[in-house]
């Protein structure tokens, strides 16, 4: 019974220990890395916006054909 209880307590303890190790290993990005990440996110926004715009352009005429 005591062994099961100690195993049950080990799970959150291991989780907290792993989380602390992860946070200690994380570093703040330098300026070059930040700019690179920002550019990648910006390109992603533009690509997703373009895809949405193209889908909207195709959807409107198709919807008008089907409804009318």
PDB file of N, CA and C in Angstrom:
ATOM      1  N   UNK A   1       0.824  -1.185   0.000  1.00  0.00           N
ATOM      2  CA  UNK A   1       0.000   0.000   0.000  1.00  0.00           C
ATOM      3  C   UNK A   1       0.873   1.255   0.000  1.00  0.00           C
ATOM      4  N   UNK A   2       1.876   1.260   0.845  1.00  0.00           N
ATOM      5  CA  UNK A   2       2.781   2.411   0.928  1.00  0.00           C
ATOM      6  C   UNK A   2       3.574   2.564  -0.362  1.00  0.00           C
ATOM      7  N   UNK A   3       3.908   1.427  -0.993  1.00  0.00           N
ATOM      8  CA  UNK A   3       4.659   1.469  -2.240  1.00  0.00           C
ATOM      9  C   UNK A   3       3.833   2.112  -3.356  1.00  0.00           C
ATOM     10  N   UNK A   4       2.553   1.802  -3.408  1.00  0.00           N
ATOM     11  CA  UNK A   4       1.674   2.389  -4.414  1.00  0.00           C
ATOM     12  C   UNK A   4       1.524   3.889  -4.188  1.00  0.00           C
ATOM     13  N   UNK A   5       1.435   4.273  -2.928  1.00  0.00           N
ATOM     14  CA  UNK A   5       1.297   5.687  -2.604  1.00  0.00           C
ATOM     15  C   UNK A   5       2.550   6.458  -2.992  1.00  0.00           C
ATOM     16  N   UNK A   6       3.722   5.872  -2.748  1.00  0.00           N
ATOM     17  CA  UNK A   6       4.971   6.553  -3.114  1.00  0.00           C
ATOM     18  C   UNK A   6       5.105   6.640  -4.635  1.00  0.00           C
ATOM     19  N   UNK A   7       4.657   5.610  -5.355  1.00  0.00           N
ATOM     20  CA  UNK A   7       4.678   5.671  -6.817  1.00  0.00           C
ATOM     21  C   UNK A   7       3.738   6.745  -7.333  1.00  0.00           C
ATOM     22  N   UNK A   8       2.613   6.909  -6.671  1.00  0.00           N
ATOM     23  CA  UNK A   8       1.652   7.923  -7.064  1.00  0.00           C
ATOM     24  C   UNK A   8       2.216   9.321  -6.835  1.00  0.00           C
ATOM     25  N   UNK A   9       3.005   9.494  -5.806  1.00  0.00           N
ATOM     26  CA  UNK A   9       3.626  10.791  -5.525  1.00  0.00           C
ATOM     27  C   UNK A   9       4.817  11.066  -6.429  1.00  0.00           C
ATOM     28  N   UNK A  10       5.419  10.016  -6.971  1.00  0.00           N
ATOM     29  CA  UNK A  10       6.574  10.201  -7.858  1.00  0.00           C
ATOM     30  C   UNK A  10       6.187  10.860  -9.175  1.00  0.00           C
ATOM     31  N   UNK A  11       4.980  10.642  -9.634  1.00  0.00           N
ATOM     32  CA  UNK A  11       4.557  11.177 -10.938  1.00  0.00           C
ATOM     33  C   UNK A  11       4.588  12.700 -10.944  1.00  0.00           C
ATOM     34  N   UNK A  12       3.921  13.396 -10.019  1.00  0.00           N
ATOM     35  CA  UNK A  12       4.011  14.864 -10.053  1.00  0.00           C
ATOM     36  C   UNK A  12       5.412  15.377  -9.735  1.00  0.00           C
ATOM     37  N   UNK A  13       6.129  14.665  -8.885  1.00  0.00           N
ATOM     38  CA  UNK A  13       7.492  15.074  -8.538  1.00  0.00           C
ATOM     39  C   UNK A  13       8.387  15.020  -9.770  1.00  0.00           C
ATOM     40  N   UNK A  14       8.263  13.951 -10.560  1.00  0.00           N
ATOM     41  CA  UNK A  14       9.051  13.835 -11.793  1.00  0.00           C
ATOM     42  C   UNK A  14       8.648  14.914 -12.799  1.00  0.00           C
ATOM     43  N   UNK A  15       7.351  15.195 -12.860  1.00  0.00           N
ATOM     44  CA  UNK A  15       6.871  16.228 -13.775  1.00  0.00           C
ATOM     45  C   UNK A  15       7.458  17.591 -13.417  1.00  0.00           C
ATOM     46  N   UNK A  16       7.449  17.926 -12.151  1.00  0.00           N
ATOM     47  CA  UNK A  16       7.993  19.214 -11.707  1.00  0.00           C
ATOM     48  C   UNK A  16       9.500  19.262 -11.950  1.00  0.00           C
ATOM     49  N   UNK A  17      10.199  18.181 -11.695  1.00  0.00           N
ATOM     50  CA  UNK A  17      11.647  18.145 -11.909  1.00  0.00           C
ATOM     51  C   UNK A  17      11.976  18.307 -13.393  1.00  0.00           C
ATOM     52  N   UNK A  18      11.242  17.590 -14.254  1.00  0.00           N
ATOM     53  CA  UNK A  18      11.473  17.715 -15.698  1.00  0.00           C
ATOM     54  C   UNK A  18      11.154  19.123 -16.188  1.00  0.00           C
ATOM     55  N   UNK A  19      10.088  19.710 -15.657  1.00  0.00           N
ATOM     56  CA  UNK A  19       9.733  21.075 -16.042  1.00  0.00           C
ATOM     57  C   UNK A  19      10.796  22.080 -15.619  1.00  0.00           C
ATOM     58  N   UNK A  20      11.348  21.907 -14.425  1.00  0.00           N
ATOM     59  CA  UNK A  20      12.400  22.813 -13.951  1.00  0.00           C
ATOM     60  C   UNK A  20      13.659  22.666 -14.801  1.00  0.00           C
ATOM     61  N   UNK A  21      14.012  21.443 -15.173  1.00  0.00           N
ATOM     62  CA  UNK A  21      15.171  21.229 -16.037  1.00  0.00           C
ATOM     63  C   UNK A  21      14.953  21.885 -17.395  1.00  0.00           C
ATOM     64  N   UNK A  22      13.749  21.761 -17.943  1.00  0.00           N
ATOM     65  CA  UNK A  22      13.438  22.372 -19.235  1.00  0.00           C
ATOM     66  C   UNK A  22      13.562  23.884 -19.157  1.00  0.00           C
ATOM     67  N   UNK A  23      13.014  24.491 -18.118  1.00  0.00           N
ATOM     68  CA  UNK A  23      13.072  25.941 -17.980  1.00  0.00           C
ATOM     69  C   UNK A  23      14.506  26.434 -17.775  1.00  0.00           C
ATOM     70  N   UNK A  24      15.324  25.652 -17.091  1.00  0.00           N
ATOM     71  CA  UNK A  24      16.719  26.040 -16.893  1.00  0.00           C
ATOM     72  C   UNK A  24      17.520  25.955 -18.183  1.00  0.00           C
ATOM     73  N   UNK A  25      17.146  25.027 -19.066  1.00  0.00           N
ATOM     74  CA  UNK A  25      17.856  24.880 -20.335  1.00  0.00           C
ATOM     75  C   UNK A  25      17.432  25.910 -21.369  1.00  0.00           C
ATOM     76  N   UNK A  26      16.239  26.481 -21.216  1.00  0.00           N
ATOM     77  CA  UNK A  26      15.745  27.459 -22.186  1.00  0.00           C
ATOM     78  C   UNK A  26      16.564  28.738 -22.101  1.00  0.00           C
ATOM     79  N   UNK A  27      16.822  29.306 -23.269  1.00  0.00           N
ATOM     80  CA  UNK A  27      17.551  30.569 -23.317  1.00  0.00           C
ATOM     81  C   UNK A  27      16.740  31.577 -24.124  1.00  0.00           C
ATOM     82  N   UNK A  28      16.989  32.830 -23.863  1.00  0.00           N
ATOM     83  CA  UNK A  28      16.322  33.891 -24.599  1.00  0.00           C
ATOM     84  C   UNK A  28      16.979  33.986 -25.981  1.00  0.00           C
ATOM     85  N   UNK A  29      16.183  34.147 -27.045  1.00  0.00           N
ATOM     86  CA  UNK A  29      16.794  34.217 -28.373  1.00  0.00           C
ATOM     87  C   UNK A  29      17.569  35.523 -28.553  1.00  0.00           C
ATOM     88  N   UNK A  30      18.673  35.430 -29.291  1.00  0.00           N
ATOM     89  CA  UNK A  30      19.418  36.652 -29.598  1.00  0.00           C
ATOM     90  C   UNK A  30      18.696  37.393 -30.734  1.00  0.00           C
ATOM     91  N   UNK A  31      19.219  38.550 -31.098  1.00  0.00           N
ATOM     92  CA  UNK A  31      18.523  39.405 -32.064  1.00  0.00           C
ATOM     93  C   UNK A  31      18.392  38.717 -33.422  1.00  0.00           C
ATOM     94  N   UNK A  32      19.431  38.051 -33.883  1.00  0.00           N
ATOM     95  CA  UNK A  32      19.413  37.393 -35.194  1.00  0.00           C
ATOM     96  C   UNK A  32      18.363  36.275 -35.209  1.00  0.00           C
ATOM     97  N   UNK A  33      18.321  35.486 -34.153  1.00  0.00           N
ATOM     98  CA  UNK A  33      17.354  34.396 -34.079  1.00  0.00           C
ATOM     99  C   UNK A  33      15.922  34.948 -33.993  1.00  0.00           C
ATOM    100  N   UNK A  34      15.733  36.026 -33.243  1.00  0.00           N
ATOM    101  CA  UNK A  34      14.415  36.638 -33.125  1.00  0.00           C
ATOM    102  C   UNK A  34      13.928  37.167 -34.466  1.00  0.00           C
ATOM    103  N   UNK A  35      14.815  37.806 -35.216  1.00  0.00           N
ATOM    104  CA  UNK A  35      14.442  38.338 -36.526  1.00  0.00           C
ATOM    105  C   UNK A  35      14.084  37.193 -37.476  1.00  0.00           C
ATOM    106  N   UNK A  36      14.837  36.104 -37.423  1.00  0.00           N
ATOM    107  CA  UNK A  36      14.569  34.961 -38.289  1.00  0.00           C
ATOM    108  C   UNK A  36      13.206  34.340 -37.971  1.00  0.00           C
ATOM    109  N   UNK A  37      12.901  34.194 -36.691  1.00  0.00           N
ATOM    110  CA  UNK A  37      11.606  33.639 -36.285  1.00  0.00           C
ATOM    111  C   UNK A  37      10.478  34.582 -36.696  1.00  0.00           C
ATOM    112  N   UNK A  38      10.684  35.876 -36.506  1.00  0.00           N
ATOM    113  CA  UNK A  38       9.660  36.863 -36.874  1.00  0.00           C
ATOM    114  C   UNK A  38       9.399  36.844 -38.374  1.00  0.00           C
ATOM    115  N   UNK A  39      10.443  36.712 -39.165  1.00  0.00           N
ATOM    116  CA  UNK A  39      10.270  36.633 -40.615  1.00  0.00           C
ATOM    117  C   UNK A  39       9.499  35.379 -41.004  1.00  0.00           C
ATOM    118  N   UNK A  40       9.804  34.256 -40.364  1.00  0.00           N
ATOM    119  CA  UNK A  40       9.097  33.015 -40.679  1.00  0.00           C
ATOM    120  C   UNK A  40       7.618  33.134 -40.323  1.00  0.00           C
ATOM    121  N   UNK A  41       7.318  33.752 -39.191  1.00  0.00           N
ATOM    122  CA  UNK A  41       5.922  33.940 -38.800  1.00  0.00           C
ATOM    123  C   UNK A  41       5.220  34.884 -39.773  1.00  0.00           C
ATOM    124  N   UNK A  42       5.900  35.943 -40.184  1.00  0.00           N
ATOM    125  CA  UNK A  42       5.319  36.881 -41.139  1.00  0.00           C
ATOM    126  C   UNK A  42       5.020  36.222 -42.468  1.00  0.00           C
ATOM    127  N   UNK A  43       5.947  35.416 -42.961  1.00  0.00           N
ATOM    128  CA  UNK A  43       5.720  34.697 -44.220  1.00  0.00           C
ATOM    129  C   UNK A  43       4.542  33.739 -44.061  1.00  0.00           C
ATOM    130  N   UNK A  44       4.439  33.092 -42.913  1.00  0.00           N
ATOM    131  CA  UNK A  44       3.308  32.200 -42.665  1.00  0.00           C
ATOM    132  C   UNK A  44       1.984  32.934 -42.701  1.00  0.00           C
ATOM    133  N   UNK A  45       1.934  34.129 -42.082  1.00  0.00           N
ATOM    134  CA  UNK A  45       0.710  34.931 -42.121  1.00  0.00           C
ATOM    135  C   UNK A  45       0.348  35.294 -43.559  1.00  0.00           C
ATOM    136  N   UNK A  46       1.334  35.709 -44.336  1.00  0.00           N
ATOM    137  CA  UNK A  46       1.068  36.110 -45.721  1.00  0.00           C
ATOM    138  C   UNK A  46       0.585  34.906 -46.533  1.00  0.00           C
ATOM    139  N   UNK A  47       1.224  33.768 -46.383  1.00  0.00           N
ATOM    140  CA  UNK A  47       0.826  32.572 -47.139  1.00  0.00           C
ATOM    141  C   UNK A  47      -0.589  32.145 -46.761  1.00  0.00           C
ATOM    142  N   UNK A  48      -0.878  32.099 -45.455  1.00  0.00           N
ATOM    143  CA  UNK A  48      -2.223  31.691 -45.034  1.00  0.00           C
ATOM    144  C   UNK A  48      -3.272  32.694 -45.500  1.00  0.00           C
ATOM    145  N   UNK A  49      -2.943  33.981 -45.480  1.00  0.00           N
ATOM    146  CA  UNK A  49      -3.859  34.997 -45.983  1.00  0.00           C
ATOM    147  C   UNK A  49      -4.107  34.839 -47.468  1.00  0.00           C
ATOM    148  N   UNK A  50      -3.059  34.560 -48.233  1.00  0.00           N
ATOM    149  CA  UNK A  50      -3.203  34.368 -49.678  1.00  0.00           C
ATOM    150  C   UNK A  50      -4.051  33.137 -49.977  1.00  0.00           C
ATOM    151  N   UNK A  51      -3.829  32.070 -49.241  1.00  0.00           N
ATOM    152  CA  UNK A  51      -4.629  30.855 -49.446  1.00  0.00           C
ATOM    153  C   UNK A  51      -6.098  31.139 -49.129  1.00  0.00           C
ATOM    154  N   UNK A  52      -6.352  31.842 -48.033  1.00  0.00           N
ATOM    155  CA  UNK A  52      -7.730  32.181 -47.684  1.00  0.00           C
ATOM    156  C   UNK A  52      -8.377  33.059 -48.734  1.00  0.00           C
ATOM    157  N   UNK A  53      -7.624  34.011 -49.266  1.00  0.00           N
ATOM    158  CA  UNK A  53      -8.149  34.902 -50.302  1.00  0.00           C
ATOM    159  C   UNK A  53      -8.490  34.123 -51.570  1.00  0.00           C
ATOM    160  N   UNK A  54      -7.608  33.220 -51.971  1.00  0.00           N
ATOM    161  CA  UNK A  54      -7.847  32.412 -53.171  1.00  0.00           C
ATOM    162  C   UNK A  54      -9.060  31.508 -52.979  1.00  0.00           C
ATOM    163  N   UNK A  55      -9.169  30.902 -51.805  1.00  0.00           N
ATOM    164  CA  UNK A  55     -10.331  30.047 -51.534  1.00  0.00           C
ATOM    165  C   UNK A  55     -11.612  30.877 -51.590  1.00  0.00           C
ATOM    166  N   UNK A  56     -11.581  32.081 -51.036  1.00  0.00           N
ATOM    167  CA  UNK A  56     -12.756  32.960 -51.071  1.00  0.00           C
ATOM    168  C   UNK A  56     -13.097  33.338 -52.516  1.00  0.00           C
ATOM    169  N   UNK A  57     -12.065  33.643 -53.323  1.00  0.00           N
ATOM    170  CA  UNK A  57     -12.314  33.994 -54.725  1.00  0.00           C
ATOM    171  C   UNK A  57     -12.938  32.838 -55.489  1.00  0.00           C
ATOM    172  N   UNK A  58     -12.546  31.634 -55.202  1.00  0.00           N
ATOM    173  CA  UNK A  58     -13.094  30.473 -55.891  1.00  0.00           C
ATOM    174  C   UNK A  58     -14.474  30.139 -55.339  1.00  0.00           C
ATOM    175  N   UNK A  59     -14.669  30.300 -54.049  1.00  0.00           N
ATOM    176  CA  UNK A  59     -15.922  29.895 -53.410  1.00  0.00           C
ATOM    177  C   UNK A  59     -17.097  30.765 -53.835  1.00  0.00           C
ATOM    178  N   UNK A  60     -16.910  32.062 -53.988  1.00  0.00           N
ATOM    179  CA  UNK A  60     -18.020  32.965 -54.313  1.00  0.00           C
ATOM    180  C   UNK A  60     -18.656  32.615 -55.664  1.00  0.00           C
ATOM    181  N   UNK A  61     -17.892  32.493 -56.763  1.00  0.00           N
ATOM    182  CA  UNK A  61     -18.553  32.134 -58.033  1.00  0.00           C
ATOM    183  C   UNK A  61     -19.173  30.737 -58.006  1.00  0.00           C
ATOM    184  N   UNK A  62     -18.519  29.783 -57.368  1.00  0.00           N
ATOM    185  CA  UNK A  62     -19.057  28.431 -57.308  1.00  0.00           C
ATOM    186  C   UNK A  62     -20.359  28.434 -56.526  1.00  0.00           C
ATOM    187  N   UNK A  63     -20.406  29.176 -55.443  1.00  0.00           N
ATOM    188  CA  UNK A  63     -21.622  29.267 -54.631  1.00  0.00           C
ATOM    189  C   UNK A  63     -22.747  29.927 -55.427  1.00  0.00           C
ATOM    190  N   UNK A  64     -22.429  30.964 -56.203  1.00  0.00           N
ATOM    191  CA  UNK A  64     -23.454  31.614 -57.017  1.00  0.00           C
ATOM    192  C   UNK A  64     -23.999  30.687 -58.103  1.00  0.00           C
ATOM    193  N   UNK A  65     -23.136  29.866 -58.658  1.00  0.00           N
ATOM    194  CA  UNK A  65     -23.573  28.914 -59.686  1.00  0.00           C
ATOM    195  C   UNK A  65     -24.502  27.867 -59.079  1.00  0.00           C
ATOM    196  N   UNK A  66     -24.146  27.378 -57.901  1.00  0.00           N
ATOM    197  CA  UNK A  66     -24.939  26.338 -57.257  1.00  0.00           C
ATOM    198  C   UNK A  66     -26.282  26.864 -56.757  1.00  0.00           C
ATOM    199  N   UNK A  67     -26.290  28.076 -56.226  1.00  0.00           N
ATOM    200  CA  UNK A  67     -27.522  28.628 -55.653  1.00  0.00           C
ATOM    201  C   UNK A  67     -28.451  29.133 -56.760  1.00  0.00           C
ATOM    202  N   UNK A  68     -27.906  29.777 -57.770  1.00  0.00           N
ATOM    203  CA  UNK A  68     -28.753  30.392 -58.805  1.00  0.00           C
ATOM    204  C   UNK A  68     -29.178  29.437 -59.867  1.00  0.00           C
TER     205      UNK A  68
END
